[in-house]
Protein backbone atom coordinates (compact mmCIF):
# COMPACT_ATOMS: atom_id res chain seq x y z
CA MET A 1 3.54 16.88 -5.43
CA SER A 2 0.87 15.05 -3.44
CA LYS A 3 -1.14 14.49 -6.64
CA ILE A 4 1.82 12.73 -8.24
CA LEU A 5 2.33 10.57 -5.14
CA GLY A 6 -1.37 9.70 -5.11
CA LEU A 7 -1.25 8.75 -8.78
CA ILE A 8 1.81 6.55 -8.22
CA ILE A 9 0.08 4.76 -5.33
CA LEU A 10 -3.05 4.28 -7.47
CA VAL A 11 -1.04 2.77 -10.34
CA LEU A 12 0.86 0.46 -7.96
CA ASP A 13 -2.42 -0.63 -6.33
CA ILE A 14 -3.92 -1.46 -9.73
CA LEU A 15 -0.82 -3.45 -10.67
CA ALA A 16 -0.96 -5.28 -7.32
CA ILE A 17 -4.63 -6.16 -7.85
CA ILE A 18 -3.84 -7.51 -11.31
CA LYS A 19 -0.99 -9.63 -9.88
CA ILE A 20 -3.26 -10.87 -7.08
CA VAL A 21 -5.99 -11.93 -9.50
CA GLN A 22 -3.45 -13.70 -11.74
CA SER A 23 -1.80 -15.53 -8.82
CA SER A 24 -2.32 -19.20 -8.00
CA ALA A 25 -3.79 -18.38 -4.58
CA SER A 26 -7.26 -19.61 -3.66
CA THR A 27 -10.27 -17.44 -4.48
CA GLY A 28 -10.78 -16.60 -0.82
CA GLU A 29 -7.19 -15.44 -0.42
CA LYS A 30 -7.44 -13.35 -3.57
CA VAL A 31 -10.59 -11.63 -2.31
CA LEU A 32 -8.97 -10.86 1.05
CA TRP A 33 -5.81 -9.47 -0.56
CA VAL A 34 -7.77 -7.32 -3.00
CA LEU A 35 -9.94 -5.97 -0.16
CA LEU A 36 -6.84 -5.15 1.88
CA VAL A 37 -5.26 -3.26 -1.02
CA VAL A 38 -8.50 -1.40 -1.79
CA VAL A 39 -9.36 -0.46 1.81
CA LEU A 40 -5.79 0.44 2.85
CA PRO A 41 -4.08 1.48 -0.40
CA LEU A 42 -0.55 2.22 0.81
CA LEU A 43 -0.41 -0.07 3.84
CA GLY A 44 -2.20 -2.88 1.98
CA LEU A 45 0.26 -2.59 -0.89
CA ILE A 46 3.23 -2.84 1.49
CA ILE A 47 1.73 -5.81 3.37
CA TRP A 48 0.90 -7.59 0.10
CA ALA A 49 4.44 -7.01 -1.21
CA LEU A 50 5.92 -8.50 1.96
CA LEU A 51 3.47 -11.32 2.73
CA GLY A 52 1.34 -11.92 -0.36
CA PRO A 53 1.50 -14.82 -2.82
CA GLY A 54 4.96 -15.03 -4.36
CA SER A 55 6.54 -12.65 -1.86
CA PRO A 56 10.19 -13.09 -0.94
CA VAL A 57 9.32 -13.53 2.75
CA LYS A 58 7.11 -16.57 2.09
CA LYS A 59 9.77 -18.42 0.05
C-alpha cells in the first residue's frame, strides 16, 4: 500500500513541477517552487496547491 501511495505522490509532484515550469511566474519563483516540491514532496505539493501561481487562495 505504501508503494502505491509513494507512486501517487511522485506522479503528482512531477505534474506540479510541469505546471510550475509552464506558469507565468518569474524564473526565481519557479526555481523556489520546484525546490520546495523536490525537497518536501508531500508538504511542498500541498503548499504549492494552496499558495502557488494560479492557486485559488491567491485569486
